[in-house]
Amino acid sequence: ANTVYRQHNTMSELVLYASSTGGSLEMKKHTSKIRDVLQSKSIAFKEVHIDLNEDDKKQMREIAGNPTALVPQLALGSKYLGGWEKFEEAIETENLEAFLKGEA
C-alpha cells in the first residue's frame, strides 16, 4: 500500500507535540521513536515544541481533552489521535496508517 501523505489542507496536518528541553528520559525516548517511525515511513508531520510556547501547550491539552497531558502527543489538525501508548499499540497491531488518519 503506497499511500502518499501529502496534505494540502493544514487543518488535517499531522502534528507531533514534543518538548525540546524538558521532560523525562522516557518522554524523550518515546518522542524520538515516534519521530523515527514517521520519518522512516516518509510520513509528513509538523513537530510542535510545547515548552517554547504556552499556547501550544494549552492547545495540545485541549485537543487531548486532558489538562495534564504530557508529550509526546499526536493530532491530525485539531483531531486528537493519541499519545505514546496508542502509537505503540497501532504499530503492534500493524494499524499505524489507519491510526495516523484518525480511522483507528
PDB file of N, CA and C in Angstrom:
ATOM      1  N   ALA A   1       0.857  -1.196   0.000  1.00  0.00           N
ATOM      2  CA  ALA A   1       0.000   0.000   0.000  1.00  0.00           C
ATOM      3  C   ALA A   1       0.885   1.235   0.000  1.00  0.00           C
ATOM      4  N   ASN A   2       0.962   1.867  -1.156  1.00  0.00           N
ATOM      5  CA  ASN A   2       1.793   3.052  -1.250  1.00  0.00           C
ATOM      6  C   ASN A   2       0.929   4.302  -1.190  1.00  0.00           C
ATOM      7  N   THR A   3       0.573   4.674   0.012  1.00  0.00           N
ATOM      8  CA  THR A   3      -0.263   5.848   0.180  1.00  0.00           C
ATOM      9  C   THR A   3       0.621   7.073   0.230  1.00  0.00           C
ATOM     10  N   VAL A   4       0.256   8.092  -0.484  1.00  0.00           N
ATOM     11  CA  VAL A   4       1.034   9.327  -0.438  1.00  0.00           C
ATOM     12  C   VAL A   4       0.403  10.246   0.591  1.00  0.00           C
ATOM     13  N   TYR A   5       1.224  10.647   1.558  1.00  0.00           N
ATOM     14  CA  TYR A   5       0.724  11.540   2.603  1.00  0.00           C
ATOM     15  C   TYR A   5       1.073  12.975   2.243  1.00  0.00           C
ATOM     16  N   ARG A   6       0.325  13.542   1.311  1.00  0.00           N
ATOM     17  CA  ARG A   6       0.540  14.951   1.008  1.00  0.00           C
ATOM     18  C   ARG A   6      -0.751  15.656   1.360  1.00  0.00           C
ATOM     19  N   GLN A   7      -0.701  16.447   2.394  1.00  0.00           N
ATOM     20  CA  GLN A   7      -1.939  17.089   2.813  1.00  0.00           C
ATOM     21  C   GLN A   7      -1.844  18.586   2.600  1.00  0.00           C
ATOM     22  N   HIS A   8      -2.650  19.068   1.680  1.00  0.00           N
ATOM     23  CA  HIS A   8      -2.620  20.487   1.365  1.00  0.00           C
ATOM     24  C   HIS A   8      -3.466  21.259   2.365  1.00  0.00           C
ATOM     25  N   ASN A   9      -4.361  20.566   2.991  1.00  0.00           N
ATOM     26  CA  ASN A   9      -5.237  21.212   3.964  1.00  0.00           C
ATOM     27  C   ASN A   9      -4.551  21.211   5.323  1.00  0.00           C
ATOM     28  N   THR A  10      -4.175  22.389   5.804  1.00  0.00           N
ATOM     29  CA  THR A  10      -3.438  22.457   7.068  1.00  0.00           C
ATOM     30  C   THR A  10      -4.294  22.003   8.245  1.00  0.00           C
ATOM     31  N   MET A  11      -5.624  21.998   8.052  1.00  0.00           N
ATOM     32  CA  MET A  11      -6.500  21.550   9.133  1.00  0.00           C
ATOM     33  C   MET A  11      -6.242  20.079   9.463  1.00  0.00           C
ATOM     34  N   SER A  12      -5.793  19.327   8.469  1.00  0.00           N
ATOM     35  CA  SER A  12      -5.604  17.906   8.731  1.00  0.00           C
ATOM     36  C   SER A  12      -4.119  17.539   8.708  1.00  0.00           C
ATOM     37  N   GLU A  13      -3.289  18.477   9.110  1.00  0.00           N
ATOM     38  CA  GLU A  13      -1.861  18.207   9.161  1.00  0.00           C
ATOM     39  C   GLU A  13      -1.546  17.352  10.387  1.00  0.00           C
ATOM     40  N   LEU A  14      -0.674  16.366  10.199  1.00  0.00           N
ATOM     41  CA  LEU A  14      -0.255  15.529  11.316  1.00  0.00           C
ATOM     42  C   LEU A  14       0.716  16.326  12.178  1.00  0.00           C
ATOM     43  N   VAL A  15       0.393  16.425  13.459  1.00  0.00           N
ATOM     44  CA  VAL A  15       1.216  17.210  14.375  1.00  0.00           C
ATOM     45  C   VAL A  15       1.737  16.311  15.492  1.00  0.00           C
ATOM     46  N   LEU A  16       3.042  16.381  15.713  1.00  0.00           N
ATOM     47  CA  LEU A  16       3.674  15.703  16.840  1.00  0.00           C
ATOM     48  C   LEU A  16       4.002  16.762  17.878  1.00  0.00           C
ATOM     49  N   TYR A  17       3.307  16.702  19.009  1.00  0.00           N
ATOM     50  CA  TYR A  17       3.602  17.619  20.105  1.00  0.00           C
ATOM     51  C   TYR A  17       4.754  17.036  20.906  1.00  0.00           C
ATOM     52  N   ALA A  18       5.805  17.825  21.051  1.00  0.00           N
ATOM     53  CA  ALA A  18       7.019  17.348  21.703  1.00  0.00           C
ATOM     54  C   ALA A  18       7.563  18.446  22.608  1.00  0.00           C
ATOM     55  N   SER A  19       8.691  18.151  23.226  1.00  0.00           N
ATOM     56  CA  SER A  19       9.362  19.130  24.071  1.00  0.00           C
ATOM     57  C   SER A  19      10.818  19.176  23.657  1.00  0.00           C
ATOM     58  N   SER A  20      11.351  20.384  23.457  1.00  0.00           N
ATOM     59  CA  SER A  20      12.742  20.462  23.008  1.00  0.00           C
ATOM     60  C   SER A  20      13.710  20.371  24.180  1.00  0.00           C
ATOM     61  N   THR A  21      13.226  20.688  25.370  1.00  0.00           N
ATOM     62  CA  THR A  21      14.139  20.687  26.513  1.00  0.00           C
ATOM     63  C   THR A  21      13.681  19.756  27.619  1.00  0.00           C
ATOM     64  N   GLY A  22      12.533  20.093  28.202  1.00  0.00           N
ATOM     65  CA  GLY A  22      12.089  19.377  29.398  1.00  0.00           C
ATOM     66  C   GLY A  22      11.635  17.965  29.135  1.00  0.00           C
ATOM     67  N   GLY A  23      11.118  17.372  30.183  1.00  0.00           N
ATOM     68  CA  GLY A  23      10.582  16.030  30.052  1.00  0.00           C
ATOM     69  C   GLY A  23      11.559  14.990  30.535  1.00  0.00           C
ATOM     70  N   SER A  24      11.014  13.847  30.880  1.00  0.00           N
ATOM     71  CA  SER A  24      11.827  12.754  31.385  1.00  0.00           C
ATOM     72  C   SER A  24      12.566  12.079  30.234  1.00  0.00           C
ATOM     73  N   LEU A  25      13.509  11.249  30.592  1.00  0.00           N
ATOM     74  CA  LEU A  25      14.242  10.465  29.599  1.00  0.00           C
ATOM     75  C   LEU A  25      13.273   9.607  28.796  1.00  0.00           C
ATOM     76  N   GLU A  26      12.276   9.059  29.495  1.00  0.00           N
ATOM     77  CA  GLU A  26      11.286   8.207  28.852  1.00  0.00           C
ATOM     78  C   GLU A  26      10.504   8.992  27.792  1.00  0.00           C
ATOM     79  N   MET A  27      10.097  10.228  28.145  1.00  0.00           N
ATOM     80  CA  MET A  27       9.373  11.071  27.183  1.00  0.00           C
ATOM     81  C   MET A  27      10.222  11.324  25.951  1.00  0.00           C
ATOM     82  N   LYS A  28      11.495  11.623  26.186  1.00  0.00           N
ATOM     83  CA  LYS A  28      12.399  11.887  25.067  1.00  0.00           C
ATOM     84  C   LYS A  28      12.531  10.655  24.174  1.00  0.00           C
ATOM     85  N   LYS A  29      12.659   9.479  24.810  1.00  0.00           N
ATOM     86  CA  LYS A  29      12.788   8.231  24.041  1.00  0.00           C
ATOM     87  C   LYS A  29      11.538   7.976  23.211  1.00  0.00           C
ATOM     88  N   HIS A  30      10.376   8.162  23.828  1.00  0.00           N
ATOM     89  CA  HIS A  30       9.116   7.933  23.123  1.00  0.00           C
ATOM     90  C   HIS A  30       8.960   8.903  21.961  1.00  0.00           C
ATOM     91  N   THR A  31       9.312  10.178  22.211  1.00  0.00           N
ATOM     92  CA  THR A  31       9.196  11.191  21.159  1.00  0.00           C
ATOM     93  C   THR A  31      10.105  10.858  19.990  1.00  0.00           C
ATOM     94  N   SER A  32      11.355  10.479  20.278  1.00  0.00           N
ATOM     95  CA  SER A  32      12.256  10.207  19.152  1.00  0.00           C
ATOM     96  C   SER A  32      11.879   8.926  18.428  1.00  0.00           C
ATOM     97  N   LYS A  33      11.273   7.983  19.137  1.00  0.00           N
ATOM     98  CA  LYS A  33      10.797   6.757  18.482  1.00  0.00           C
ATOM     99  C   LYS A  33       9.664   7.096  17.496  1.00  0.00           C
ATOM    100  N   ILE A  34       8.727   7.930  17.929  1.00  0.00           N
ATOM    101  CA  ILE A  34       7.636   8.343  17.038  1.00  0.00           C
ATOM    102  C   ILE A  34       8.213   9.071  15.827  1.00  0.00           C
ATOM    103  N   ARG A  35       9.117  10.014  16.085  1.00  0.00           N
ATOM    104  CA  ARG A  35       9.750  10.795  15.011  1.00  0.00           C
ATOM    105  C   ARG A  35      10.448   9.853  14.020  1.00  0.00           C
ATOM    106  N   ASP A  36      11.203   8.882  14.548  1.00  0.00           N
ATOM    107  CA  ASP A  36      11.939   7.946  13.690  1.00  0.00           C
ATOM    108  C   ASP A  36      10.991   7.123  12.823  1.00  0.00           C
ATOM    109  N   VAL A  37       9.910   6.639  13.433  1.00  0.00           N
ATOM    110  CA  VAL A  37       8.957   5.816  12.681  1.00  0.00           C
ATOM    111  C   VAL A  37       8.305   6.643  11.567  1.00  0.00           C
ATOM    112  N   LEU A  38       7.866   7.854  11.887  1.00  0.00           N
ATOM    113  CA  LEU A  38       7.221   8.701  10.877  1.00  0.00           C
ATOM    114  C   LEU A  38       8.190   9.009   9.739  1.00  0.00           C
ATOM    115  N   GLN A  39       9.428   9.353  10.096  1.00  0.00           N
ATOM    116  CA  GLN A  39      10.414   9.679   9.067  1.00  0.00           C
ATOM    117  C   GLN A  39      10.752   8.465   8.219  1.00  0.00           C
ATOM    118  N   SER A  40      10.861   7.293   8.863  1.00  0.00           N
ATOM    119  CA  SER A  40      11.223   6.086   8.113  1.00  0.00           C
ATOM    120  C   SER A  40      10.125   5.704   7.126  1.00  0.00           C
ATOM    121  N   LYS A  41       8.900   6.109   7.414  1.00  0.00           N
ATOM    122  CA  LYS A  41       7.784   5.810   6.518  1.00  0.00           C
ATOM    123  C   LYS A  41       7.467   6.995   5.601  1.00  0.00           C
ATOM    124  N   SER A  42       8.325   8.009   5.641  1.00  0.00           N
ATOM    125  CA  SER A  42       8.145   9.220   4.821  1.00  0.00           C
ATOM    126  C   SER A  42       6.774   9.856   5.025  1.00  0.00           C
ATOM    127  N   ILE A  43       6.329   9.871   6.262  1.00  0.00           N
ATOM    128  CA  ILE A  43       5.048  10.499   6.588  1.00  0.00           C
ATOM    129  C   ILE A  43       5.326  11.936   7.015  1.00  0.00           C
ATOM    130  N   ALA A  44       4.694  12.861   6.321  1.00  0.00           N
ATOM    131  CA  ALA A  44       4.908  14.275   6.628  1.00  0.00           C
ATOM    132  C   ALA A  44       4.231  14.638   7.942  1.00  0.00           C
ATOM    133  N   PHE A  45       4.942  15.372   8.782  1.00  0.00           N
ATOM    134  CA  PHE A  45       4.356  15.833  10.032  1.00  0.00           C
ATOM    135  C   PHE A  45       5.028  17.113  10.471  1.00  0.00           C
ATOM    136  N   LYS A  46       4.337  17.830  11.326  1.00  0.00           N
ATOM    137  CA  LYS A  46       4.882  19.058  11.885  1.00  0.00           C
ATOM    138  C   LYS A  46       5.165  18.795  13.354  1.00  0.00           C
ATOM    139  N   GLU A  47       6.340  19.184  13.805  1.00  0.00           N
ATOM    140  CA  GLU A  47       6.679  18.991  15.214  1.00  0.00           C
ATOM    141  C   GLU A  47       6.509  20.322  15.943  1.00  0.00           C
ATOM    142  N   VAL A  48       5.737  20.292  17.011  1.00  0.00           N
ATOM    143  CA  VAL A  48       5.485  21.494  17.796  1.00  0.00           C
ATOM    144  C   VAL A  48       6.074  21.294  19.185  1.00  0.00           C
ATOM    145  N   HIS A  49       6.972  22.181  19.584  1.00  0.00           N
ATOM    146  CA  HIS A  49       7.602  22.093  20.904  1.00  0.00           C
ATOM    147  C   HIS A  49       6.813  22.922  21.913  1.00  0.00           C
ATOM    148  N   ILE A  50       6.104  22.220  22.797  1.00  0.00           N
ATOM    149  CA  ILE A  50       5.189  22.919  23.709  1.00  0.00           C
ATOM    150  C   ILE A  50       5.925  23.698  24.792  1.00  0.00           C
ATOM    151  N   ASP A  51       7.202  23.389  25.003  1.00  0.00           N
ATOM    152  CA  ASP A  51       7.946  24.109  26.038  1.00  0.00           C
ATOM    153  C   ASP A  51       8.345  25.504  25.561  1.00  0.00           C
ATOM    154  N   LEU A  52       8.233  25.770  24.273  1.00  0.00           N
ATOM    155  CA  LEU A  52       8.625  27.070  23.735  1.00  0.00           C
ATOM    156  C   LEU A  52       7.443  28.035  23.659  1.00  0.00           C
ATOM    157  N   ASN A  53       6.247  27.513  23.807  1.00  0.00           N
ATOM    158  CA  ASN A  53       5.076  28.362  23.642  1.00  0.00           C
ATOM    159  C   ASN A  53       3.916  27.824  24.487  1.00  0.00           C
ATOM    160  N   GLU A  54       3.524  28.602  25.456  1.00  0.00           N
ATOM    161  CA  GLU A  54       2.451  28.205  26.379  1.00  0.00           C
ATOM    162  C   GLU A  54       1.141  27.936  25.633  1.00  0.00           C
ATOM    163  N   ASP A  55       0.892  28.699  24.555  1.00  0.00           N
ATOM    164  CA  ASP A  55      -0.339  28.500  23.773  1.00  0.00           C
ATOM    165  C   ASP A  55      -0.362  27.130  23.119  1.00  0.00           C
ATOM    166  N   ASP A  56       0.807  26.687  22.651  1.00  0.00           N
ATOM    167  CA  ASP A  56       0.887  25.358  22.041  1.00  0.00           C
ATOM    168  C   ASP A  56       0.595  24.272  23.069  1.00  0.00           C
ATOM    169  N   LYS A  57       1.098  24.482  24.284  1.00  0.00           N
ATOM    170  CA  LYS A  57       0.839  23.502  25.358  1.00  0.00           C
ATOM    171  C   LYS A  57      -0.652  23.456  25.663  1.00  0.00           C
ATOM    172  N   LYS A  58      -1.276  24.644  25.763  1.00  0.00           N
ATOM    173  CA  LYS A  58      -2.724  24.709  26.019  1.00  0.00           C
ATOM    174  C   LYS A  58      -3.489  24.015  24.905  1.00  0.00           C
ATOM    175  N   GLN A  59      -3.075  24.303  23.663  1.00  0.00           N
ATOM    176  CA  GLN A  59      -3.764  23.721  22.512  1.00  0.00           C
ATOM    177  C   GLN A  59      -3.655  22.194  22.541  1.00  0.00           C
ATOM    178  N   MET A  60      -2.459  21.676  22.811  1.00  0.00           N
ATOM    179  CA  MET A  60      -2.265  20.224  22.875  1.00  0.00           C
ATOM    180  C   MET A  60      -3.185  19.623  23.931  1.00  0.00           C
ATOM    181  N   ARG A  61      -3.254  20.259  25.094  1.00  0.00           N
ATOM    182  CA  ARG A  61      -4.060  19.717  26.184  1.00  0.00           C
ATOM    183  C   ARG A  61      -5.548  19.820  25.885  1.00  0.00           C
ATOM    184  N   GLU A  62      -5.936  20.875  25.172  1.00  0.00           N
ATOM    185  CA  GLU A  62      -7.343  20.994  24.761  1.00  0.00           C
ATOM    186  C   GLU A  62      -7.700  19.896  23.769  1.00  0.00           C
ATOM    187  N   ILE A  63      -6.836  19.694  22.777  1.00  0.00           N
ATOM    188  CA  ILE A  63      -7.073  18.664  21.767  1.00  0.00           C
ATOM    189  C   ILE A  63      -7.139  17.283  22.416  1.00  0.00           C
ATOM    190  N   ALA A  64      -6.218  17.049  23.359  1.00  0.00           N
ATOM    191  CA  ALA A  64      -6.176  15.751  24.032  1.00  0.00           C
ATOM    192  C   ALA A  64      -7.326  15.582  25.020  1.00  0.00           C
ATOM    193  N   GLY A  65      -7.981  16.694  25.376  1.00  0.00           N
ATOM    194  CA  GLY A  65      -9.059  16.625  26.355  1.00  0.00           C
ATOM    195  C   GLY A  65      -8.539  16.264  27.730  1.00  0.00           C
ATOM    196  N   ASN A  66      -7.301  16.671  28.008  1.00  0.00           N
ATOM    197  CA  ASN A  66      -6.661  16.323  29.273  1.00  0.00           C
ATOM    198  C   ASN A  66      -5.787  17.494  29.720  1.00  0.00           C
ATOM    199  N   PRO A  67      -6.174  18.161  30.829  1.00  0.00           N
ATOM    200  CA  PRO A  67      -5.451  19.355  31.274  1.00  0.00           C
ATOM    201  C   PRO A  67      -4.032  19.083  31.763  1.00  0.00           C
ATOM    202  N   THR A  68      -3.670  17.811  31.928  1.00  0.00           N
ATOM    203  CA  THR A  68      -2.314  17.498  32.379  1.00  0.00           C
ATOM    204  C   THR A  68      -1.572  16.610  31.378  1.00  0.00           C
ATOM    205  N   ALA A  69      -2.065  16.562  30.135  1.00  0.00           N
ATOM    206  CA  ALA A  69      -1.436  15.710  29.123  1.00  0.00           C
ATOM    207  C   ALA A  69       0.038  16.078  28.949  1.00  0.00           C
ATOM    208  N   LEU A  70       0.862  15.049  28.794  1.00  0.00           N
ATOM    209  CA  LEU A  70       2.294  15.247  28.590  1.00  0.00           C
ATOM    210  C   LEU A  70       2.685  14.782  27.196  1.00  0.00           C
ATOM    211  N   VAL A  71       3.810  15.284  26.719  1.00  0.00           N
ATOM    212  CA  VAL A  71       4.301  14.864  25.411  1.00  0.00           C
ATOM    213  C   VAL A  71       4.882  13.454  25.505  1.00  0.00           C
ATOM    214  N   PRO A  72       4.970  12.734  24.405  1.00  0.00           N
ATOM    215  CA  PRO A  72       4.524  13.109  23.059  1.00  0.00           C
ATOM    216  C   PRO A  72       3.031  12.836  22.851  1.00  0.00           C
ATOM    217  N   GLN A  73       2.418  13.689  22.050  1.00  0.00           N
ATOM    218  CA  GLN A  73       1.011  13.513  21.666  1.00  0.00           C
ATOM    219  C   GLN A  73       0.914  13.716  20.168  1.00  0.00           C
ATOM    220  N   LEU A  74      -0.028  13.038  19.553  1.00  0.00           N
ATOM    221  CA  LEU A  74      -0.237  13.181  18.109  1.00  0.00           C
ATOM    222  C   LEU A  74      -1.648  13.664  17.824  1.00  0.00           C
ATOM    223  N   ALA A  75      -1.742  14.569  16.861  1.00  0.00           N
ATOM    224  CA  ALA A  75      -3.049  15.069  16.445  1.00  0.00           C
ATOM    225  C   ALA A  75      -3.051  15.218  14.931  1.00  0.00           C
ATOM    226  N   LEU A  76      -4.233  15.114  14.371  1.00  0.00           N
ATOM    227  CA  LEU A  76      -4.421  15.358  12.946  1.00  0.00           C
ATOM    228  C   LEU A  76      -5.204  16.654  12.872  1.00  0.00           C
ATOM    229  N   GLY A  77      -4.507  17.759  12.649  1.00  0.00           N
ATOM    230  CA  GLY A  77      -5.136  19.059  12.768  1.00  0.00           C
ATOM    231  C   GLY A  77      -5.617  19.217  14.193  1.00  0.00           C
ATOM    232  N   SER A  78      -6.922  19.406  14.371  1.00  0.00           N
ATOM    233  CA  SER A  78      -7.455  19.559  15.733  1.00  0.00           C
ATOM    234  C   SER A  78      -8.083  18.262  16.241  1.00  0.00           C
ATOM    235  N   LYS A  79      -7.906  17.182  15.495  1.00  0.00           N
ATOM    236  CA  LYS A  79      -8.439  15.881  15.922  1.00  0.00           C
ATOM    237  C   LYS A  79      -7.368  15.122  16.692  1.00  0.00           C
ATOM    238  N   TYR A  80      -7.696  14.735  17.905  1.00  0.00           N
ATOM    239  CA  TYR A  80      -6.734  14.032  18.759  1.00  0.00           C
ATOM    240  C   TYR A  80      -6.571  12.583  18.316  1.00  0.00           C
ATOM    241  N   LEU A  81      -5.329  12.152  18.146  1.00  0.00           N
ATOM    242  CA  LEU A  81      -5.068  10.759  17.768  1.00  0.00           C
ATOM    243  C   LEU A  81      -4.663   9.931  18.977  1.00  0.00           C
ATOM    244  N   GLY A  82      -3.760  10.472  19.799  1.00  0.00           N
ATOM    245  CA  GLY A  82      -3.334   9.736  20.980  1.00  0.00           C
ATOM    246  C   GLY A  82      -1.888  10.028  21.328  1.00  0.00           C
ATOM    247  N   GLY A  83      -1.454   9.433  22.418  1.00  0.00           N
ATOM    248  CA  GLY A  83      -0.087   9.599  22.872  1.00  0.00           C
ATOM    249  C   GLY A  83       0.742   8.371  22.543  1.00  0.00           C
ATOM    250  N   TRP A  84       1.807   8.177  23.303  1.00  0.00           N
ATOM    251  CA  TRP A  84       2.742   7.089  23.045  1.00  0.00           C
ATOM    252  C   TRP A  84       2.074   5.715  23.062  1.00  0.00           C
ATOM    253  N   GLU A  85       1.212   5.468  24.069  1.00  0.00           N
ATOM    254  CA  GLU A  85       0.612   4.137  24.201  1.00  0.00           C
ATOM    255  C   GLU A  85      -0.203   3.782  22.959  1.00  0.00           C
ATOM    256  N   LYS A  86      -0.998   4.732  22.494  1.00  0.00           N
ATOM    257  CA  LYS A  86      -1.837   4.486  21.312  1.00  0.00           C
ATOM    258  C   LYS A  86      -0.975   4.259  20.071  1.00  0.00           C
ATOM    259  N   PHE A  87       0.099   5.051  19.979  1.00  0.00           N
ATOM    260  CA  PHE A  87       1.012   4.927  18.841  1.00  0.00           C
ATOM    261  C   PHE A  87       1.656   3.539  18.830  1.00  0.00           C
ATOM    262  N   GLU A  88       2.145   3.131  19.993  1.00  0.00           N
ATOM    263  CA  GLU A  88       2.812   1.836  20.129  1.00  0.00           C
ATOM    264  C   GLU A  88       1.842   0.694  19.808  1.00  0.00           C
ATOM    265  N   GLU A  89       0.625   0.835  20.292  1.00  0.00           N
ATOM    266  CA  GLU A  89      -0.414  -0.165  20.040  1.00  0.00           C
ATOM    267  C   GLU A  89      -0.711  -0.279  18.545  1.00  0.00           C
ATOM    268  N   ALA A  90      -0.748   0.874  17.871  1.00  0.00           N
ATOM    269  CA  ALA A  90      -1.020   0.890  16.431  1.00  0.00           C
ATOM    270  C   ALA A  90       0.085   0.164  15.660  1.00  0.00           C
ATOM    271  N   ILE A  91       1.330   0.335  16.128  1.00  0.00           N
ATOM    272  CA  ILE A  91       2.450  -0.357  15.480  1.00  0.00           C
ATOM    273  C   ILE A  91       2.339  -1.859  15.728  1.00  0.00           C
ATOM    274  N   GLU A  92       2.065  -2.234  16.970  1.00  0.00           N
ATOM    275  CA  GLU A  92       1.985  -3.654  17.320  1.00  0.00           C
ATOM    276  C   GLU A  92       0.869  -4.366  16.580  1.00  0.00           C
ATOM    277  N   THR A  93      -0.221  -3.650  16.332  1.00  0.00           N
ATOM    278  CA  THR A  93      -1.358  -4.274  15.635  1.00  0.00           C
ATOM    279  C   THR A  93      -1.300  -4.005  14.128  1.00  0.00           C
ATOM    280  N   GLU A  94      -0.188  -3.437  13.676  1.00  0.00           N
ATOM    281  CA  GLU A  94       0.019  -3.104  12.260  1.00  0.00           C
ATOM    282  C   GLU A  94      -1.132  -2.266  11.723  1.00  0.00           C
ATOM    283  N   ASN A  95      -1.481  -1.273  12.509  1.00  0.00           N
ATOM    284  CA  ASN A  95      -2.630  -0.439  12.202  1.00  0.00           C
ATOM    285  C   ASN A  95      -2.224   1.029  12.130  1.00  0.00           C
ATOM    286  N   LEU A  96      -0.932   1.275  11.894  1.00  0.00           N
ATOM    287  CA  LEU A  96      -0.412   2.637  12.007  1.00  0.00           C
ATOM    288  C   LEU A  96      -1.038   3.608  11.012  1.00  0.00           C
ATOM    289  N   GLU A  97      -1.196   3.169   9.757  1.00  0.00           N
ATOM    290  CA  GLU A  97      -1.729   4.095   8.755  1.00  0.00           C
ATOM    291  C   GLU A  97      -3.131   4.565   9.117  1.00  0.00           C
ATOM    292  N   ALA A  98      -3.985   3.624   9.523  1.00  0.00           N
ATOM    293  CA  ALA A  98      -5.352   3.990   9.916  1.00  0.00           C
ATOM    294  C   ALA A  98      -5.320   4.909  11.143  1.00  0.00           C
ATOM    295  N   PHE A  99      -4.446   4.584  12.100  1.00  0.00           N
ATOM    296  CA  PHE A  99      -4.323   5.387  13.305  1.00  0.00           C
ATOM    297  C   PHE A  99      -3.940   6.829  12.962  1.00  0.00           C
ATOM    298  N   LEU A 100      -2.970   6.996  12.071  1.00  0.00           N
ATOM    299  CA  LEU A 100      -2.496   8.342  11.721  1.00  0.00           C
ATOM    300  C   LEU A 100      -3.498   9.123  10.894  1.00  0.00           C
ATOM    301  N   LYS A 101      -4.458   8.411  10.292  1.00  0.00           N
ATOM    302  CA  LYS A 101      -5.502   9.107   9.533  1.00  0.00           C
ATOM    303  C   LYS A 101      -6.722   9.368  10.417  1.00  0.00           C
ATOM    304  N   GLY A 102      -6.635   8.939  11.674  1.00  0.00           N
ATOM    305  CA  GLY A 102      -7.767   9.131  12.564  1.00  0.00           C
ATOM    306  C   GLY A 102      -8.870   8.113  12.365  1.00  0.00           C
ATOM    307  N   GLU A 103      -8.522   6.987  11.741  1.00  0.00           N
ATOM    308  CA  GLU A 103      -9.547   5.972  11.432  1.00  0.00           C
ATOM    309  C   GLU A 103      -9.461   4.766  12.353  1.00  0.00           C
ATOM    310  N   ALA A 104      -8.480   4.758  13.232  1.00  0.00           N
ATOM    311  CA  ALA A 104      -8.293   3.570  14.082  1.00  0.00           C
ATOM    312  C   ALA A 104      -9.268   3.573  15.240  1.00  0.00           C
TER     313      ALA A 104
END
